[in-house]
C-alpha atoms as a PDB file:
ATOM      1  CA  MET A   1       0.000   0.000   0.000  1.00  0.00           C
ATOM      2  CA  ALA A   2       1.371   3.394  -0.982  1.00  0.00           C
ATOM      3  CA  PHE A   3       0.029   5.036   2.147  1.00  0.00           C
ATOM      4  CA  THR A   4       0.724   4.358   5.802  1.00  0.00           C
ATOM      5  CA  ARG A   5      -1.891   4.667   8.515  1.00  0.00           C
ATOM      6  CA  LEU A   6      -1.806   7.840  10.607  1.00  0.00           C
ATOM      7  CA  HIS A   7      -4.927   7.114  12.642  1.00  0.00           C
ATOM      8  CA  ARG A   8      -6.870   3.902  13.091  1.00  0.00           C
ATOM      9  CA  GLY A   9     -10.600   4.419  12.803  1.00  0.00           C
ATOM     10  CA  PHE A  10     -13.418   2.270  14.119  1.00  0.00           C
ATOM     11  CA  ARG A  11     -12.098  -1.160  15.289  1.00  0.00           C
ATOM     12  CA  GLY A  12      -8.614  -0.370  13.967  1.00  0.00           C
ATOM     13  CA  SER A  13      -9.789  -0.598  10.378  1.00  0.00           C
ATOM     14  CA  LEU A  14      -7.200  -0.015   7.652  1.00  0.00           C
ATOM     15  CA  ASP A  15      -9.935   0.781   5.143  1.00  0.00           C
ATOM     16  CA  PRO A  16      -8.355   2.929   2.366  1.00  0.00           C
ATOM     17  CA  VAL A  17     -11.711   4.661   1.841  1.00  0.00           C
ATOM     18  CA  HIS A  18     -10.851   6.977   4.733  1.00  0.00           C
ATOM     19  CA  TRP A  19      -8.059   8.589   2.743  1.00  0.00           C
ATOM     20  CA  PRO A  20      -7.595  11.791   4.789  1.00  0.00           C
ATOM     21  CA  PHE A  21      -6.270   9.641   7.614  1.00  0.00           C
ATOM     22  CA  TYR A  22      -3.464   8.216   5.496  1.00  0.00           C
ATOM     23  CA  TRP A  23      -0.104   9.811   4.828  1.00  0.00           C
ATOM     24  CA  PRO A  24       2.219   8.867   2.004  1.00  0.00           C
ATOM     25  CA  SER A  25       5.200   6.698   2.811  1.00  0.00           C
ATOM     26  CA  VAL A  26       8.619   8.346   2.734  1.00  0.00           C
ATOM     27  CA  PRO A  27       9.567   6.863  -0.677  1.00  0.00           C
ATOM     28  CA  THR A  28       6.236   8.003  -2.145  1.00  0.00           C
ATOM     29  CA  ALA A  29       6.665  11.491  -0.666  1.00  0.00           C
ATOM     30  CA  LEU A  30      10.180  11.654  -2.137  1.00  0.00           C
ATOM     31  CA  VAL A  31       8.858  10.760  -5.586  1.00  0.00           C
ATOM     32  CA  ALA A  32       6.174  13.444  -5.250  1.00  0.00           C
ATOM     33  CA  LEU A  33       8.774  16.022  -4.176  1.00  0.00           C
ATOM     34  CA  HIS A  34      11.041  14.954  -7.044  1.00  0.00           C
ATOM     35  CA  VAL A  35       8.258  15.372  -9.610  1.00  0.00           C
ATOM     36  CA  LEU A  36       7.125  18.725  -8.207  1.00  0.00           C
ATOM     37  CA  ALA A  37      10.696  20.048  -8.131  1.00  0.00           C
ATOM     38  CA  ASN A  38      11.199  18.866 -11.719  1.00  0.00           C
ATOM     39  CA  VAL A  39       8.079  20.729 -12.860  1.00  0.00           C
ATOM     40  CA  VAL A  40       9.357  23.965 -11.309  1.00  0.00           C
ATOM     41  CA  TRP A  41      12.942  23.362 -12.458  1.00  0.00           C
ATOM     42  CA  ILE A  42      12.167  22.609 -16.098  1.00  0.00           C
ATOM     43  CA  GLY A  43       9.541  25.351 -16.317  1.00  0.00           C
ATOM     44  CA  ALA A  44      11.944  27.921 -14.904  1.00  0.00           C
ATOM     45  CA  LEU A  45      14.787  26.700 -17.105  1.00  0.00           C
ATOM     46  CA  LEU A  46      12.634  26.985 -20.227  1.00  0.00           C
ATOM     47  CA  ALA A  47      11.605  30.506 -19.159  1.00  0.00           C
ATOM     48  CA  VAL A  48      15.287  31.410 -18.774  1.00  0.00           C
ATOM     49  CA  ALA A  49      16.002  30.017 -22.250  1.00  0.00           C
ATOM     50  CA  VAL A  50      13.153  31.998 -23.833  1.00  0.00           C
ATOM     51  CA  LEU A  51      14.105  35.242 -22.074  1.00  0.00           C
ATOM     52  CA  THR A  52      17.777  34.836 -22.939  1.00  0.00           C
ATOM     53  CA  ALA A  53      17.071  33.968 -26.572  1.00  0.00           C
ATOM     54  CA  ARG A  54      14.779  36.992 -27.001  1.00  0.00           C
ATOM     55  CA  ALA A  55      17.047  39.476 -25.177  1.00  0.00           C
ATOM     56  CA  PRO A  56      18.934  40.708 -28.291  1.00  0.00           C
ATOM     57  CA  PHE A  57      15.628  41.788 -29.826  1.00  0.00           C
ATOM     58  CA  MET A  58      14.633  43.943 -26.852  1.00  0.00           C
ATOM     59  CA  ALA A  59      15.372  47.630 -26.221  1.00  0.00           C
ATOM     60  CA  ASP A  60      17.618  46.799 -23.251  1.00  0.00           C
ATOM     61  CA  PRO A  61      19.047  43.272 -23.691  1.00  0.00           C
ATOM     62  CA  SER A  62      21.021  43.351 -20.457  1.00  0.00           C
ATOM     63  CA  GLU A  63      17.852  44.070 -18.458  1.00  0.00           C
ATOM     64  CA  VAL A  64      16.117  41.046 -19.991  1.00  0.00           C
ATOM     65  CA  GLY A  65      19.272  39.016 -19.346  1.00  0.00           C
ATOM     66  CA  ALA A  66      19.211  40.154 -15.720  1.00  0.00           C
ATOM     67  CA  LEU A  67      15.585  39.008 -15.437  1.00  0.00           C
ATOM     68  CA  ALA A  68      16.537  35.633 -16.929  1.00  0.00           C
ATOM     69  CA  ARG A  69      19.411  35.389 -14.449  1.00  0.00           C
ATOM     70  CA  ARG A  70      17.081  36.123 -11.509  1.00  0.00           C
ATOM     71  CA  VAL A  71      14.646  33.429 -12.670  1.00  0.00           C
ATOM     72  CA  HIS A  72      17.552  31.027 -12.950  1.00  0.00           C
ATOM     73  CA  LEU A  73      18.958  31.795  -9.498  1.00  0.00           C
ATOM     74  CA  ARG A  74      15.673  32.094  -7.616  1.00  0.00           C
ATOM     75  CA  LEU A  75      13.628  29.314  -9.237  1.00  0.00           C
ATOM     76  CA  ALA A  76      15.665  26.977 -11.415  1.00  0.00           C
ATOM     77  CA  VAL A  77      18.633  26.452  -9.073  1.00  0.00           C
ATOM     78  CA  PRO A  78      16.627  25.754  -5.874  1.00  0.00           C
ATOM     79  CA  ALA A  79      14.240  23.477  -7.769  1.00  0.00           C
ATOM     80  CA  PHE A  80      17.187  21.628  -9.311  1.00  0.00           C
ATOM     81  CA  LEU A  81      18.721  21.094  -5.870  1.00  0.00           C
ATOM     82  CA  ALA A  82      15.380  19.854  -4.468  1.00  0.00           C
ATOM     83  CA  SER A  83      14.940  17.502  -7.417  1.00  0.00           C
ATOM     84  CA  LEU A  84      18.472  16.155  -7.096  1.00  0.00           C
ATOM     85  CA  GLY A  85      18.145  15.676  -3.349  1.00  0.00           C
ATOM     86  CA  ALA A  86      14.777  13.918  -3.562  1.00  0.00           C
ATOM     87  CA  GLY A  87      15.935  11.728  -6.456  1.00  0.00           C
ATOM     88  CA  VAL A  88      19.134  10.655  -4.710  1.00  0.00           C
ATOM     89  CA  ALA A  89      17.245  10.017  -1.466  1.00  0.00           C
ATOM     90  CA  ARG A  90      14.662   7.905  -3.311  1.00  0.00           C
ATOM     91  CA  ILE A  91      17.340   5.823  -5.006  1.00  0.00           C
ATOM     92  CA  ALA A  92      19.076   5.404  -1.630  1.00  0.00           C
ATOM     93  CA  PHE A  93      16.048   3.449  -0.387  1.00  0.00           C
ATOM     94  CA  ALA A  94      16.651   0.685  -2.953  1.00  0.00           C
ATOM     95  CA  PRO A  95      19.924   1.208  -4.835  1.00  0.00           C
ATOM     96  CA  ARG A  96      20.240  -2.403  -6.009  1.00  0.00           C
ATOM     97  CA  VAL A  97      16.747  -2.363  -7.465  1.00  0.00           C
ATOM     98  CA  TYR A  98      17.387   0.812  -9.444  1.00  0.00           C
ATOM     99  CA  ALA A  99      20.808  -0.429 -10.578  1.00  0.00           C
ATOM    100  CA  HIS A 100      19.138  -3.350 -12.380  1.00  0.00           C
ATOM    101  CA  LEU A 101      16.491  -1.316 -14.195  1.00  0.00           C
ATOM    102  CA  PRO A 102      17.699  -0.546 -17.736  1.00  0.00           C
ATOM    103  CA  TRP A 103      15.213   2.310 -18.217  1.00  0.00           C
ATOM    104  CA  MET A 104      16.662   4.051 -15.148  1.00  0.00           C
ATOM    105  CA  HIS A 105      20.090   4.285 -16.801  1.00  0.00           C
ATOM    106  CA  VAL A 106      18.543   5.987 -19.832  1.00  0.00           C
ATOM    107  CA  LYS A 107      16.475   8.297 -17.603  1.00  0.00           C
ATOM    108  CA  LEU A 108      19.560   9.284 -15.604  1.00  0.00           C
ATOM    109  CA  THR A 109      21.469   9.946 -18.829  1.00  0.00           C
ATOM    110  CA  LEU A 110      18.692  12.273 -19.978  1.00  0.00           C
ATOM    111  CA  ALA A 111      18.693  13.929 -16.538  1.00  0.00           C
ATOM    112  CA  LEU A 112      22.467  14.431 -16.788  1.00  0.00           C
ATOM    113  CA  ALA A 113      21.965  16.096 -20.189  1.00  0.00           C
ATOM    114  CA  VAL A 114      19.388  18.448 -18.634  1.00  0.00           C
ATOM    115  CA  ILE A 115      21.790  19.257 -15.793  1.00  0.00           C
ATOM    116  CA  VAL A 116      24.494  20.196 -18.308  1.00  0.00           C
ATOM    117  CA  LEU A 117      21.986  22.306 -20.253  1.00  0.00           C
ATOM    118  CA  HIS A 118      20.899  23.943 -16.981  1.00  0.00           C
ATOM    119  CA  HIS A 119      24.446  25.169 -16.430  1.00  0.00           C
ATOM    120  CA  VAL A 120      24.988  26.219 -20.049  1.00  0.00           C
ATOM    121  CA  ILE A 121      21.719  28.171 -20.229  1.00  0.00           C
ATOM    122  CA  GLY A 122      22.415  29.792 -16.844  1.00  0.00           C
ATOM    123  CA  ALA A 123      25.898  30.828 -17.934  1.00  0.00           C
ATOM    124  CA  ARG A 124      24.522  32.274 -21.165  1.00  0.00           C
ATOM    125  CA  ALA A 125      21.917  34.262 -19.201  1.00  0.00           C
ATOM    126  CA  ARG A 126      24.670  35.613 -16.950  1.00  0.00           C
ATOM    127  CA  ARG A 127      26.704  36.727 -19.974  1.00  0.00           C
ATOM    128  CA  VAL A 128      23.682  38.410 -21.576  1.00  0.00           C
ATOM    129  CA  ALA A 129      22.959  40.190 -18.276  1.00  0.00           C
ATOM    130  CA  LYS A 130      26.514  41.570 -18.442  1.00  0.00           C
ATOM    131  CA  GLY A 131      25.829  42.970 -21.917  1.00  0.00           C
ATOM    132  CA  ASN A 132      27.167  40.217 -24.184  1.00  0.00           C
ATOM    133  CA  THR A 133      24.232  39.676 -26.563  1.00  0.00           C
ATOM    134  CA  ASP A 134      26.242  37.187 -28.641  1.00  0.00           C
ATOM    135  CA  ALA A 135      25.809  34.728 -25.759  1.00  0.00           C
ATOM    136  CA  ALA A 136      22.087  34.545 -26.583  1.00  0.00           C
ATOM    137  CA  ARG A 137      22.827  32.847 -29.881  1.00  0.00           C
ATOM    138  CA  ALA A 138      21.298  29.336 -30.083  1.00  0.00           C
ATOM    139  CA  VAL A 139      19.823  29.467 -26.551  1.00  0.00           C
ATOM    140  CA  GLY A 140      16.404  28.834 -28.102  1.00  0.00           C
ATOM    141  CA  VAL A 141      17.727  25.575 -29.542  1.00  0.00           C
ATOM    142  CA  LEU A 142      19.191  24.663 -26.147  1.00  0.00           C
ATOM    143  CA  GLY A 143      15.736  25.262 -24.670  1.00  0.00           C
ATOM    144  CA  TRP A 144      14.187  22.827 -27.145  1.00  0.00           C
ATOM    145  CA  VAL A 145      16.856  20.218 -26.418  1.00  0.00           C
ATOM    146  CA  THR A 146      16.166  20.683 -22.697  1.00  0.00           C
ATOM    147  CA  PHE A 147      12.455  20.181 -23.308  1.00  0.00           C
ATOM    148  CA  LEU A 148      13.029  17.013 -25.363  1.00  0.00           C
ATOM    149  CA  CYS A 149      15.404  15.494 -22.793  1.00  0.00           C
ATOM    150  CA  ALA A 150      12.979  16.284 -19.966  1.00  0.00           C
ATOM    151  CA  ALA A 151      10.078  14.843 -21.980  1.00  0.00           C
ATOM    152  CA  GLY A 152      12.075  11.649 -22.565  1.00  0.00           C
ATOM    153  CA  ALA A 153      12.800  11.308 -18.851  1.00  0.00           C
ATOM    154  CA  VAL A 154       9.116  11.863 -18.043  1.00  0.00           C
ATOM    155  CA  LEU A 155       8.074   9.285 -20.647  1.00  0.00           C
ATOM    156  CA  LEU A 156      10.406   6.700 -19.117  1.00  0.00           C
ATOM    157  CA  GLY A 157       9.266   7.539 -15.582  1.00  0.00           C
ATOM    158  CA  VAL A 158       5.595   7.198 -16.473  1.00  0.00           C
ATOM    159  CA  ALA A 159       5.972   4.181 -18.752  1.00  0.00           C
ATOM    160  CA  LYS A 160       7.798   2.156 -16.098  1.00  0.00           C
ATOM    161  CA  SER A 161       4.954   2.697 -13.639  1.00  0.00           C
ATOM    162  CA  LEU A 162       2.280   1.349 -16.016  1.00  0.00           C
ATOM    163  CA  PRO A 163       1.376  -2.351 -16.100  1.00  0.00           C
END
């Protein structure tokens, strides 16, 4: 059962119908935290990519670059750290199980690609914020690659949980 009992009702029943009295197990909560952090992380990272890519076409490119940098530092970085921490903690509960799942190796490879792109896009945003509009070149493509890698990781994560 994915939920543990917080309070036993009438006659100590473990009836799952009384859902509000159940709390998720630690591994389930870690997966939920991991997914939520990924949603924020990837959304923020894509916003940074769009802002950075469009900066050269704005009246003040460095101001748009500074906004992209703030989104990166205040949303993308903390969400990345939360995602990484929850993912590592979840794997720590059953490392041998995850080591023998071939889809997990592909998912982690895609995640590693997104981590690299996270740093590249963030560095480009920093350079645009400092006035170097040439750094915005191809950031839109990097955003699309980020999206595709994240979509692949999501597909593997969802597909493995289906019967």
